[in-house]
Amino acid sequence: MTQAEHETNSWPGIAGRMALVTGASSGLGSHFAKVLAVQGAHVVAAARRIDRVEALCADLRDQGHQATPLALDVSSADAVAGALRGQVFDLVVNNAGVSHSCAALDLDADTLDQVIDTNVKGVFHVARATAAAMRDAGRGGSIVNIASILGSRVSGHVAAYAASKGAVLQLTRALALEWARHGIRVNALSPGYIETELNRDFFATDKGQALIGRVPQRRLGQPQDLDGALLLLLSDMGRFMTGVDIAVDGGHLVSSL
């Protein structure tokens, strides 16, 4: 869906809401922030690289949207609690994450800790802080945790990342069960291979092209291919959905082994 189509096809329950997007300094996080801003949400774009989210928010404000930058290290519970104190969000996109690729026998403890601290603990820290604020304010909300198809299936040399995303899926289900009574929905979005500025060069190589050839649609996904699923889960159109995982992967999960 193009930006023009977003502007003329608004999703109920997005406009006028406060939305937090973590990991918004680049890639999918930056894209998600733009999508929600165009839909009329007041977006708080959070990341460790404050200069990047400041530039993003300045661009969004120049286009007439509401956007505020926030410095945030999701791996620290204290940092999350301090940065989010006093704020109540209606919509949360738990996107911050790190990836790593190496043989499991070469995976060192520090790298494993970094992946788990960001991808699992970071998701929990942000979800807990924002859900507590929703509950205390007496209103519900929607939290979408960005997982991966590697949380459901596995590939070589991604033990830490795959384990972290599998944990995100189970965490999503557990939080959805506990928080439904507060009107808080918690769902997951699992992208397949999506082209961003971080992986574009790799997918142009022979090895990258071979990976694309294993996707049933025989193409890379684009960030906008995730928009429909994201907006469904966040908006009132998905108000009876909680604890689910939507894979957007060109059929990768149903491909043959």
C-alpha atoms as a PDB file:
ATOM      1  CA  MET A   1       0.000   0.000   0.000  1.00  0.00           C
ATOM      2  CA  THR A   2       1.393   3.369  -0.996  1.00  0.00           C
ATOM      3  CA  GLN A   3       1.473   6.412   1.262  1.00  0.00           C
ATOM      4  CA  ALA A   4      -1.337   7.975  -0.776  1.00  0.00           C
ATOM      5  CA  GLU A   5      -3.458   4.854  -0.296  1.00  0.00           C
ATOM      6  CA  HIS A   6      -2.775   4.919   3.447  1.00  0.00           C
ATOM      7  CA  GLU A   7      -3.952   8.515   3.628  1.00  0.00           C
ATOM      8  CA  THR A   8      -7.251   7.731   1.897  1.00  0.00           C
ATOM      9  CA  ASN A   9      -7.873   4.353   3.575  1.00  0.00           C
ATOM     10  CA  SER A  10      -7.529   4.953   7.299  1.00  0.00           C
ATOM     11  CA  TRP A  11      -7.730   2.053   9.719  1.00  0.00           C
ATOM     12  CA  PRO A  12     -10.104   2.586  12.679  1.00  0.00           C
ATOM     13  CA  GLY A  13      -8.474   3.008  16.045  1.00  0.00           C
ATOM     14  CA  ILE A  14      -5.169   4.423  14.779  1.00  0.00           C
ATOM     15  CA  ALA A  15      -5.750   8.147  14.231  1.00  0.00           C
ATOM     16  CA  GLY A  16      -5.322  10.245  17.339  1.00  0.00           C
ATOM     17  CA  ARG A  17      -3.728   7.425  19.336  1.00  0.00           C
ATOM     18  CA  MET A  18      -0.327   7.491  21.018  1.00  0.00           C
ATOM     19  CA  ALA A  19       1.998   4.962  19.381  1.00  0.00           C
ATOM     20  CA  LEU A  20       5.449   3.769  20.437  1.00  0.00           C
ATOM     21  CA  VAL A  21       7.781   2.186  17.891  1.00  0.00           C
ATOM     22  CA  THR A  22      11.080   0.813  19.161  1.00  0.00           C
ATOM     23  CA  GLY A  23      14.115   0.260  16.971  1.00  0.00           C
ATOM     24  CA  ALA A  24      12.884   3.118  14.798  1.00  0.00           C
ATOM     25  CA  SER A  25      16.296   4.404  13.734  1.00  0.00           C
ATOM     26  CA  SER A  26      16.367   2.379  10.497  1.00  0.00           C
ATOM     27  CA  GLY A  27      14.883  -0.494   8.540  1.00  0.00           C
ATOM     28  CA  LEU A  28      11.480  -1.832   9.497  1.00  0.00           C
ATOM     29  CA  GLY A  29      11.205   0.309  12.635  1.00  0.00           C
ATOM     30  CA  SER A  30      11.573   3.514  10.659  1.00  0.00           C
ATOM     31  CA  HIS A  31       9.045   2.228   8.132  1.00  0.00           C
ATOM     32  CA  PHE A  32       6.517   1.279  10.828  1.00  0.00           C
ATOM     33  CA  ALA A  33       6.823   4.729  12.395  1.00  0.00           C
ATOM     34  CA  LYS A  34       6.054   6.339   9.042  1.00  0.00           C
ATOM     35  CA  VAL A  35       3.066   4.074   8.434  1.00  0.00           C
ATOM     36  CA  LEU A  36       1.489   4.915  11.794  1.00  0.00           C
ATOM     37  CA  ALA A  37       2.208   8.624  11.450  1.00  0.00           C
ATOM     38  CA  VAL A  38       0.515   8.702   8.039  1.00  0.00           C
ATOM     39  CA  GLN A  39      -2.460   6.924   9.619  1.00  0.00           C
ATOM     40  CA  GLY A  40      -2.786   9.822  12.068  1.00  0.00           C
ATOM     41  CA  ALA A  41      -1.167   8.419  15.195  1.00  0.00           C
ATOM     42  CA  HIS A  42       1.154  10.525  17.344  1.00  0.00           C
ATOM     43  CA  VAL A  43       4.277   8.424  16.976  1.00  0.00           C
ATOM     44  CA  VAL A  44       7.072   8.229  19.522  1.00  0.00           C
ATOM     45  CA  ALA A  45      10.042   6.868  17.574  1.00  0.00           C
ATOM     46  CA  ALA A  46      12.507   5.245  19.957  1.00  0.00           C
ATOM     47  CA  ALA A  47      16.030   3.922  19.464  1.00  0.00           C
ATOM     48  CA  ARG A  48      19.515   4.094  20.911  1.00  0.00           C
ATOM     49  CA  ARG A  49      20.675   6.205  17.966  1.00  0.00           C
ATOM     50  CA  ILE A  50      18.850   9.364  18.930  1.00  0.00           C
ATOM     51  CA  ASP A  51      20.228  11.346  15.981  1.00  0.00           C
ATOM     52  CA  ARG A  52      18.541   8.964  13.555  1.00  0.00           C
ATOM     53  CA  VAL A  53      15.124   9.146  15.190  1.00  0.00           C
ATOM     54  CA  GLU A  54      15.409  12.911  15.560  1.00  0.00           C
ATOM     55  CA  ALA A  55      15.932  13.159  11.809  1.00  0.00           C
ATOM     56  CA  LEU A  56      13.039  10.769  11.149  1.00  0.00           C
ATOM     57  CA  CYS A  57      10.675  12.740  13.370  1.00  0.00           C
ATOM     58  CA  ALA A  58      11.739  16.048  11.820  1.00  0.00           C
ATOM     59  CA  ASP A  59      10.887  14.665   8.385  1.00  0.00           C
ATOM     60  CA  LEU A  60       7.513  13.421   9.585  1.00  0.00           C
ATOM     61  CA  ARG A  61       6.665  16.743  11.197  1.00  0.00           C
ATOM     62  CA  ASP A  62       7.629  18.533   7.979  1.00  0.00           C
ATOM     63  CA  GLN A  63       4.995  16.382   6.263  1.00  0.00           C
ATOM     64  CA  GLY A  64       2.366  17.467   8.779  1.00  0.00           C
ATOM     65  CA  HIS A  65       2.456  14.405  11.029  1.00  0.00           C
ATOM     66  CA  GLN A  66       2.962  14.120  14.785  1.00  0.00           C
ATOM     67  CA  ALA A  67       6.237  12.502  15.807  1.00  0.00           C
ATOM     68  CA  THR A  68       8.509  12.663  18.850  1.00  0.00           C
ATOM     69  CA  PRO A  69      11.992  11.116  19.171  1.00  0.00           C
ATOM     70  CA  LEU A  70      13.010   9.138  22.242  1.00  0.00           C
ATOM     71  CA  ALA A  71      16.402   7.743  23.256  1.00  0.00           C
ATOM     72  CA  LEU A  72      15.826   4.185  24.443  1.00  0.00           C
ATOM     73  CA  ASP A  73      17.960   1.130  25.171  1.00  0.00           C
ATOM     74  CA  VAL A  74      15.438  -1.695  25.417  1.00  0.00           C
ATOM     75  CA  SER A  75      17.974  -4.135  26.856  1.00  0.00           C
ATOM     76  CA  SER A  76      18.002  -2.243  30.175  1.00  0.00           C
ATOM     77  CA  ALA A  77      14.921  -2.567  32.376  1.00  0.00           C
ATOM     78  CA  ASP A  78      15.898   0.569  34.284  1.00  0.00           C
ATOM     79  CA  ALA A  79      16.395   2.549  31.074  1.00  0.00           C
ATOM     80  CA  VAL A  80      13.013   1.468  29.751  1.00  0.00           C
ATOM     81  CA  ALA A  81      11.246   2.291  33.012  1.00  0.00           C
ATOM     82  CA  GLY A  82      12.891   5.713  33.155  1.00  0.00           C
ATOM     83  CA  ALA A  83      12.280   6.633  29.529  1.00  0.00           C
ATOM     84  CA  LEU A  84       8.621   5.562  29.537  1.00  0.00           C
ATOM     85  CA  ARG A  85       7.670   6.796  32.999  1.00  0.00           C
ATOM     86  CA  GLY A  86       4.571   8.983  32.936  1.00  0.00           C
ATOM     87  CA  GLN A  87       3.630   8.054  29.364  1.00  0.00           C
ATOM     88  CA  VAL A  88       0.611   6.028  28.310  1.00  0.00           C
ATOM     89  CA  PHE A  89       0.575   4.489  24.853  1.00  0.00           C
ATOM     90  CA  ASP A  90      -2.381   2.995  23.021  1.00  0.00           C
ATOM     91  CA  LEU A  91      -0.300   1.219  20.387  1.00  0.00           C
ATOM     92  CA  VAL A  92       3.132  -0.378  20.781  1.00  0.00           C
ATOM     93  CA  VAL A  93       5.351  -1.888  18.092  1.00  0.00           C
ATOM     94  CA  ASN A  94       8.089  -3.871  19.812  1.00  0.00           C
ATOM     95  CA  ASN A  95      10.525  -3.840  16.900  1.00  0.00           C
ATOM     96  CA  ALA A  96      14.000  -3.306  18.408  1.00  0.00           C
ATOM     97  CA  GLY A  97      16.240  -6.285  17.788  1.00  0.00           C
ATOM     98  CA  VAL A  98      19.671  -7.482  16.760  1.00  0.00           C
ATOM     99  CA  SER A  99      20.689 -10.329  14.483  1.00  0.00           C
ATOM    100  CA  HIS A 100      23.747 -12.551  14.505  1.00  0.00           C
ATOM    101  CA  SER A 101      25.038 -15.313  12.280  1.00  0.00           C
ATOM    102  CA  CYS A 102      27.713 -17.845  13.154  1.00  0.00           C
ATOM    103  CA  ALA A 103      28.099 -21.552  13.788  1.00  0.00           C
ATOM    104  CA  ALA A 104      26.668 -22.597  17.147  1.00  0.00           C
ATOM    105  CA  LEU A 105      30.040 -24.007  18.217  1.00  0.00           C
ATOM    106  CA  ASP A 106      31.538 -20.554  17.661  1.00  0.00           C
ATOM    107  CA  LEU A 107      28.783 -18.646  19.505  1.00  0.00           C
ATOM    108  CA  ASP A 108      30.303 -16.985  22.547  1.00  0.00           C
ATOM    109  CA  ALA A 109      28.461 -16.164  25.754  1.00  0.00           C
ATOM    110  CA  ASP A 110      28.686 -12.397  25.310  1.00  0.00           C
ATOM    111  CA  THR A 111      27.080 -12.532  21.869  1.00  0.00           C
ATOM    112  CA  LEU A 112      24.346 -14.842  23.115  1.00  0.00           C
ATOM    113  CA  ASP A 113      23.647 -12.443  25.988  1.00  0.00           C
ATOM    114  CA  GLN A 114      23.457  -9.483  23.604  1.00  0.00           C
ATOM    115  CA  VAL A 115      20.909 -11.212  21.379  1.00  0.00           C
ATOM    116  CA  ILE A 116      18.759 -12.419  24.263  1.00  0.00           C
ATOM    117  CA  ASP A 117      19.001  -9.128  26.168  1.00  0.00           C
ATOM    118  CA  THR A 118      17.722  -7.151  23.189  1.00  0.00           C
ATOM    119  CA  ASN A 119      15.410  -9.554  21.380  1.00  0.00           C
ATOM    120  CA  VAL A 120      13.742 -11.239  24.360  1.00  0.00           C
ATOM    121  CA  LYS A 121      14.314  -9.190  27.491  1.00  0.00           C
ATOM    122  CA  GLY A 122      13.922  -5.961  25.538  1.00  0.00           C
ATOM    123  CA  VAL A 123      10.522  -7.056  24.228  1.00  0.00           C
ATOM    124  CA  PHE A 124       9.454  -7.960  27.759  1.00  0.00           C
ATOM    125  CA  HIS A 125      10.734  -4.731  29.339  1.00  0.00           C
ATOM    126  CA  VAL A 126       8.841  -2.554  26.865  1.00  0.00           C
ATOM    127  CA  ALA A 127       5.692  -4.677  26.904  1.00  0.00           C
ATOM    128  CA  ARG A 128       5.552  -4.753  30.702  1.00  0.00           C
ATOM    129  CA  ALA A 129       6.158  -1.013  31.124  1.00  0.00           C
ATOM    130  CA  THR A 130       3.589  -0.011  28.521  1.00  0.00           C
ATOM    131  CA  ALA A 131       0.992  -2.563  29.640  1.00  0.00           C
ATOM    132  CA  ALA A 132       1.291  -1.428  33.262  1.00  0.00           C
ATOM    133  CA  ALA A 133       0.638   2.160  32.173  1.00  0.00           C
ATOM    134  CA  MET A 134      -2.381   1.059  30.099  1.00  0.00           C
ATOM    135  CA  ARG A 135      -3.803  -0.874  33.051  1.00  0.00           C
ATOM    136  CA  ASP A 136      -3.218   1.929  35.537  1.00  0.00           C
ATOM    137  CA  ALA A 137      -4.880   4.418  33.182  1.00  0.00           C
ATOM    138  CA  GLY A 138      -7.906   2.162  32.982  1.00  0.00           C
ATOM    139  CA  ARG A 139      -7.742   1.658  29.250  1.00  0.00           C
ATOM    140  CA  GLY A 140      -6.649  -1.102  26.941  1.00  0.00           C
ATOM    141  CA  GLY A 141      -4.255  -1.088  24.052  1.00  0.00           C
ATOM    142  CA  SER A 142      -2.520  -3.149  21.412  1.00  0.00           C
ATOM    143  CA  ILE A 143       1.051  -4.446  21.492  1.00  0.00           C
ATOM    144  CA  VAL A 144       2.664  -6.034  18.432  1.00  0.00           C
ATOM    145  CA  ASN A 145       5.932  -7.875  18.929  1.00  0.00           C
ATOM    146  CA  ILE A 146       8.051  -8.223  15.795  1.00  0.00           C
ATOM    147  CA  ALA A 147       9.202 -11.824  15.635  1.00  0.00           C
ATOM    148  CA  SER A 148      10.465 -13.743  12.577  1.00  0.00           C
ATOM    149  CA  ILE A 149       9.720 -16.882  10.600  1.00  0.00           C
ATOM    150  CA  LEU A 150      12.946 -18.127  12.200  1.00  0.00           C
ATOM    151  CA  GLY A 151      10.956 -18.368  15.413  1.00  0.00           C
ATOM    152  CA  SER A 152       8.912 -21.139  13.784  1.00  0.00           C
ATOM    153  CA  ARG A 153      11.470 -22.793  11.517  1.00  0.00           C
ATOM    154  CA  VAL A 154      15.244 -22.778  11.582  1.00  0.00           C
ATOM    155  CA  SER A 155      18.210 -22.262   9.312  1.00  0.00           C
ATOM    156  CA  GLY A 156      21.915 -22.815   9.787  1.00  0.00           C
ATOM    157  CA  HIS A 157      24.158 -20.483  11.772  1.00  0.00           C
ATOM    158  CA  VAL A 158      21.332 -18.561  13.483  1.00  0.00           C
ATOM    159  CA  ALA A 159      20.970 -20.460  16.775  1.00  0.00           C
ATOM    160  CA  ALA A 160      20.876 -17.375  19.004  1.00  0.00           C
ATOM    161  CA  TYR A 161      18.571 -15.378  16.755  1.00  0.00           C
ATOM    162  CA  ALA A 162      16.170 -18.255  16.090  1.00  0.00           C
ATOM    163  CA  ALA A 163      15.986 -19.092  19.796  1.00  0.00           C
ATOM    164  CA  SER A 164      15.281 -15.453  20.643  1.00  0.00           C
ATOM    165  CA  LYS A 165      12.457 -15.172  18.117  1.00  0.00           C
ATOM    166  CA  GLY A 166      10.943 -18.456  19.241  1.00  0.00           C
ATOM    167  CA  ALA A 167      10.942 -17.017  22.757  1.00  0.00           C
ATOM    168  CA  VAL A 168       9.221 -13.862  21.482  1.00  0.00           C
ATOM    169  CA  LEU A 169       6.379 -15.984  20.085  1.00  0.00           C
ATOM    170  CA  GLN A 170       5.822 -17.809  23.361  1.00  0.00           C
ATOM    171  CA  LEU A 171       6.168 -14.584  25.346  1.00  0.00           C
ATOM    172  CA  THR A 172       3.526 -13.017  23.112  1.00  0.00           C
ATOM    173  CA  ARG A 173       1.083 -15.819  23.863  1.00  0.00           C
ATOM    174  CA  ALA A 174       1.775 -15.727  27.597  1.00  0.00           C
ATOM    175  CA  LEU A 175       1.289 -11.964  27.846  1.00  0.00           C
ATOM    176  CA  ALA A 176      -1.854 -12.102  25.712  1.00  0.00           C
ATOM    177  CA  LEU A 177      -3.365 -14.615  28.131  1.00  0.00           C
ATOM    178  CA  GLU A 178      -2.526 -12.592  31.237  1.00  0.00           C
ATOM    179  CA  TRP A 179      -3.437  -9.146  29.937  1.00  0.00           C
ATOM    180  CA  ALA A 180      -6.645  -9.831  28.024  1.00  0.00           C
ATOM    181  CA  ARG A 181      -8.626  -9.055  31.190  1.00  0.00           C
ATOM    182  CA  HIS A 182      -7.212  -5.506  31.057  1.00  0.00           C
ATOM    183  CA  GLY A 183      -8.288  -4.989  27.457  1.00  0.00           C
ATOM    184  CA  ILE A 184      -4.691  -5.265  26.267  1.00  0.00           C
ATOM    185  CA  ARG A 185      -4.104  -7.277  23.105  1.00  0.00           C
ATOM    186  CA  VAL A 186      -0.664  -8.788  22.437  1.00  0.00           C
ATOM    187  CA  ASN A 187       0.128 -10.264  19.039  1.00  0.00           C
ATOM    188  CA  ALA A 188       3.185 -11.089  16.939  1.00  0.00           C
ATOM    189  CA  LEU A 189       4.160 -10.282  13.375  1.00  0.00           C
ATOM    190  CA  SER A 190       6.706 -12.614  11.769  1.00  0.00           C
ATOM    191  CA  PRO A 191       8.374 -11.240   8.638  1.00  0.00           C
ATOM    192  CA  GLY A 192      10.136 -13.464   6.171  1.00  0.00           C
ATOM    193  CA  TYR A 193      12.931 -12.127   3.990  1.00  0.00           C
ATOM    194  CA  ILE A 194      12.233  -8.393   3.733  1.00  0.00           C
ATOM    195  CA  GLU A 195      14.519  -6.079   1.773  1.00  0.00           C
ATOM    196  CA  THR A 196      15.985  -3.179   3.766  1.00  0.00           C
ATOM    197  CA  GLU A 197      19.046  -0.989   3.444  1.00  0.00           C
ATOM    198  CA  LEU A 198      20.832  -3.367   5.833  1.00  0.00           C
ATOM    199  CA  ASN A 199      20.518  -6.487   3.667  1.00  0.00           C
ATOM    200  CA  ARG A 200      20.099  -5.134   0.129  1.00  0.00           C
ATOM    201  CA  ASP A 201      23.723  -5.728  -0.847  1.00  0.00           C
ATOM    202  CA  PHE A 202      23.687  -9.288   0.481  1.00  0.00           C
ATOM    203  CA  PHE A 203      20.577 -10.239  -1.468  1.00  0.00           C
ATOM    204  CA  ALA A 204      22.237  -8.986  -4.656  1.00  0.00           C
ATOM    205  CA  THR A 205      24.963 -11.650  -4.265  1.00  0.00           C
ATOM    206  CA  ASP A 206      24.775 -15.190  -5.627  1.00  0.00           C
ATOM    207  CA  LYS A 207      24.159 -16.560  -2.123  1.00  0.00           C
ATOM    208  CA  GLY A 208      21.419 -14.019  -1.538  1.00  0.00           C
ATOM    209  CA  GLN A 209      19.776 -14.811  -4.845  1.00  0.00           C
ATOM    210  CA  ALA A 210      19.831 -18.501  -3.934  1.00  0.00           C
ATOM    211  CA  LEU A 211      17.936 -17.731  -0.736  1.00  0.00           C
ATOM    212  CA  ILE A 212      15.346 -15.739  -2.660  1.00  0.00           C
ATOM    213  CA  GLY A 213      14.899 -18.738  -4.950  1.00  0.00           C
ATOM    214  CA  ARG A 214      13.688 -20.773  -1.963  1.00  0.00           C
ATOM    215  CA  VAL A 215      10.785 -18.380  -1.324  1.00  0.00           C
ATOM    216  CA  PRO A 216       7.670 -19.751  -3.077  1.00  0.00           C
ATOM    217  CA  GLN A 217       6.813 -16.318  -4.495  1.00  0.00           C
ATOM    218  CA  ARG A 218      10.402 -16.112  -5.805  1.00  0.00           C
ATOM    219  CA  ARG A 219      10.910 -12.588  -4.560  1.00  0.00           C
ATOM    220  CA  LEU A 220      11.968 -10.584  -1.525  1.00  0.00           C
ATOM    221  CA  GLY A 221       9.307  -8.927   0.537  1.00  0.00           C
ATOM    222  CA  GLN A 222       9.215  -5.146   0.723  1.00  0.00           C
ATOM    223  CA  PRO A 223       8.558  -3.240   3.967  1.00  0.00           C
ATOM    224  CA  GLN A 224       5.129  -2.182   2.718  1.00  0.00           C
ATOM    225  CA  ASP A 225       4.165  -5.847   2.403  1.00  0.00           C
ATOM    226  CA  LEU A 226       3.977  -5.877   6.214  1.00  0.00           C
ATOM    227  CA  ASP A 227       1.648  -2.893   6.470  1.00  0.00           C
ATOM    228  CA  GLY A 228      -1.663  -4.730   6.212  1.00  0.00           C
ATOM    229  CA  ALA A 229      -0.820  -7.254   8.929  1.00  0.00           C
ATOM    230  CA  LEU A 230       0.630  -4.582  11.209  1.00  0.00           C
ATOM    231  CA  LEU A 231      -2.390  -2.295  10.875  1.00  0.00           C
ATOM    232  CA  LEU A 232      -4.811  -5.196  11.308  1.00  0.00           C
ATOM    233  CA  LEU A 233      -3.185  -6.179  14.602  1.00  0.00           C
ATOM    234  CA  LEU A 234      -2.939  -2.626  15.907  1.00  0.00           C
ATOM    235  CA  SER A 235      -6.286  -1.271  14.755  1.00  0.00           C
ATOM    236  CA  ASP A 236      -9.852  -1.892  15.856  1.00  0.00           C
ATOM    237  CA  MET A 237     -10.230  -4.176  12.836  1.00  0.00           C
ATOM    238  CA  GLY A 238      -8.312  -6.767  14.877  1.00  0.00           C
ATOM    239  CA  ARG A 239     -10.031  -6.097  18.193  1.00  0.00           C
ATOM    240  CA  PHE A 240     -10.908  -9.803  18.733  1.00  0.00           C
ATOM    241  CA  MET A 241      -7.381 -10.975  17.959  1.00  0.00           C
ATOM    242  CA  THR A 242      -4.868 -11.623  20.706  1.00  0.00           C
ATOM    243  CA  GLY A 243      -2.096 -14.155  21.166  1.00  0.00           C
ATOM    244  CA  VAL A 244      -1.744 -14.770  17.425  1.00  0.00           C
ATOM    245  CA  ASP A 245       1.256 -14.713  15.110  1.00  0.00           C
ATOM    246  CA  ILE A 246       0.886 -13.530  11.522  1.00  0.00           C
ATOM    247  CA  ALA A 247       3.644 -14.622   9.143  1.00  0.00           C
ATOM    248  CA  VAL A 248       4.256 -12.416   6.108  1.00  0.00           C
ATOM    249  CA  ASP A 249       6.803 -14.374   4.132  1.00  0.00           C
ATOM    250  CA  GLY A 250       5.732 -15.079   0.561  1.00  0.00           C
ATOM    251  CA  GLY A 251       4.834 -18.638   1.546  1.00  0.00           C
ATOM    252  CA  HIS A 252       8.239 -19.475   3.011  1.00  0.00           C
ATOM    253  CA  LEU A 253       6.857 -21.272   6.074  1.00  0.00           C
ATOM    254  CA  VAL A 254       4.744 -23.602   3.949  1.00  0.00           C
ATOM    255  CA  SER A 255       7.494 -24.453   1.502  1.00  0.00           C
ATOM    256  CA  SER A 256       8.836 -27.999   1.400  1.00  0.00           C
ATOM    257  CA  LEU A 257      11.877 -28.977   3.431  1.00  0.00           C
END
